[in-house]
């Protein structure tokens, strides 16, 4: 049995993430979450953060 507020907080964050993805137009949540899992920087635009990797090698 889980205790404390952590499980409830995790459910809240999960529901928030699902809501954000649906609002952004994601139709296949499983596919979208796998894509974000594989490349986490893909999640940044959902929060208004632009991401440009440093390809200069320095």
C-alpha atoms as a PDB file:
ATOM      1  CA  UNK A   1       0.000   0.000   0.000  1.00  0.00           C
ATOM      2  CA  UNK A   2       1.301   3.432  -0.933  1.00  0.00           C
ATOM      3  CA  UNK A   3       1.298   6.176   1.640  1.00  0.00           C
ATOM      4  CA  UNK A   4       1.818   9.887   1.615  1.00  0.00           C
ATOM      5  CA  UNK A   5       1.053  12.381  -1.110  1.00  0.00           C
ATOM      6  CA  UNK A   6       3.490  11.107  -3.764  1.00  0.00           C
ATOM      7  CA  UNK A   7       1.095   8.718  -5.559  1.00  0.00           C
ATOM      8  CA  UNK A   8      -1.601  11.380  -5.704  1.00  0.00           C
ATOM      9  CA  UNK A   9       0.890  13.934  -7.012  1.00  0.00           C
ATOM     10  CA  UNK A  10       2.079  11.531  -9.722  1.00  0.00           C
ATOM     11  CA  UNK A  11      -1.509  10.978 -10.885  1.00  0.00           C
ATOM     12  CA  UNK A  12      -2.017  14.737 -11.000  1.00  0.00           C
ATOM     13  CA  UNK A  13       1.114  15.234 -13.138  1.00  0.00           C
ATOM     14  CA  UNK A  14       0.101  12.362 -15.427  1.00  0.00           C
ATOM     15  CA  UNK A  15      -3.371  13.841 -15.950  1.00  0.00           C
ATOM     16  CA  UNK A  16      -1.861  17.271 -16.572  1.00  0.00           C
ATOM     17  CA  UNK A  17       0.515  15.837 -19.180  1.00  0.00           C
ATOM     18  CA  UNK A  18      -2.327  14.002 -20.932  1.00  0.00           C
ATOM     19  CA  UNK A  19      -4.373  17.200 -20.986  1.00  0.00           C
ATOM     20  CA  UNK A  20      -1.478  19.173 -22.471  1.00  0.00           C
ATOM     21  CA  UNK A  21      -0.947  16.557 -25.187  1.00  0.00           C
ATOM     22  CA  UNK A  22      -4.652  16.479 -26.068  1.00  0.00           C
ATOM     23  CA  UNK A  23      -4.813  20.272 -26.179  1.00  0.00           C
ATOM     24  CA  UNK A  24      -1.797  20.272 -28.498  1.00  0.00           C
ATOM     25  CA  UNK A  25      -3.664  17.970 -30.858  1.00  0.00           C
ATOM     26  CA  UNK A  26      -2.107  14.587 -30.111  1.00  0.00           C
ATOM     27  CA  UNK A  27      -4.429  11.853 -31.353  1.00  0.00           C
ATOM     28  CA  UNK A  28      -2.383   8.820 -30.355  1.00  0.00           C
ATOM     29  CA  UNK A  29      -1.222   9.415 -26.776  1.00  0.00           C
ATOM     30  CA  UNK A  30       0.799   6.196 -26.569  1.00  0.00           C
ATOM     31  CA  UNK A  31       2.760   7.026 -29.726  1.00  0.00           C
ATOM     32  CA  UNK A  32       3.300  10.621 -28.609  1.00  0.00           C
ATOM     33  CA  UNK A  33       4.506   9.671 -25.129  1.00  0.00           C
ATOM     34  CA  UNK A  34       6.914   7.102 -26.604  1.00  0.00           C
ATOM     35  CA  UNK A  35       8.309   9.764 -28.936  1.00  0.00           C
ATOM     36  CA  UNK A  36       8.807  12.151 -26.012  1.00  0.00           C
ATOM     37  CA  UNK A  37      10.335   9.371 -23.912  1.00  0.00           C
ATOM     38  CA  UNK A  38      12.859   8.640 -26.661  1.00  0.00           C
ATOM     39  CA  UNK A  39      13.759  12.310 -27.215  1.00  0.00           C
ATOM     40  CA  UNK A  40      12.735  14.306 -24.114  1.00  0.00           C
ATOM     41  CA  UNK A  41      13.570  17.633 -25.781  1.00  0.00           C
ATOM     42  CA  UNK A  42      10.419  17.121 -27.879  1.00  0.00           C
ATOM     43  CA  UNK A  43       8.393  18.019 -24.781  1.00  0.00           C
ATOM     44  CA  UNK A  44       9.902  21.501 -24.481  1.00  0.00           C
ATOM     45  CA  UNK A  45       7.689  23.228 -27.101  1.00  0.00           C
ATOM     46  CA  UNK A  46       4.604  22.198 -25.101  1.00  0.00           C
ATOM     47  CA  UNK A  47       5.899  24.533 -22.391  1.00  0.00           C
ATOM     48  CA  UNK A  48       6.853  27.342 -24.759  1.00  0.00           C
ATOM     49  CA  UNK A  49      10.567  26.541 -24.679  1.00  0.00           C
ATOM     50  CA  UNK A  50      12.491  26.459 -27.932  1.00  0.00           C
ATOM     51  CA  UNK A  51      15.292  23.945 -28.255  1.00  0.00           C
ATOM     52  CA  UNK A  52      18.188  24.205 -30.644  1.00  0.00           C
ATOM     53  CA  UNK A  53      20.950  21.678 -30.049  1.00  0.00           C
ATOM     54  CA  UNK A  54      24.517  22.920 -30.086  1.00  0.00           C
ATOM     55  CA  UNK A  55      25.988  21.267 -33.152  1.00  0.00           C
ATOM     56  CA  UNK A  56      29.232  23.244 -33.163  1.00  0.00           C
ATOM     57  CA  UNK A  57      31.032  20.519 -31.217  1.00  0.00           C
ATOM     58  CA  UNK A  58      32.628  22.915 -28.756  1.00  0.00           C
END
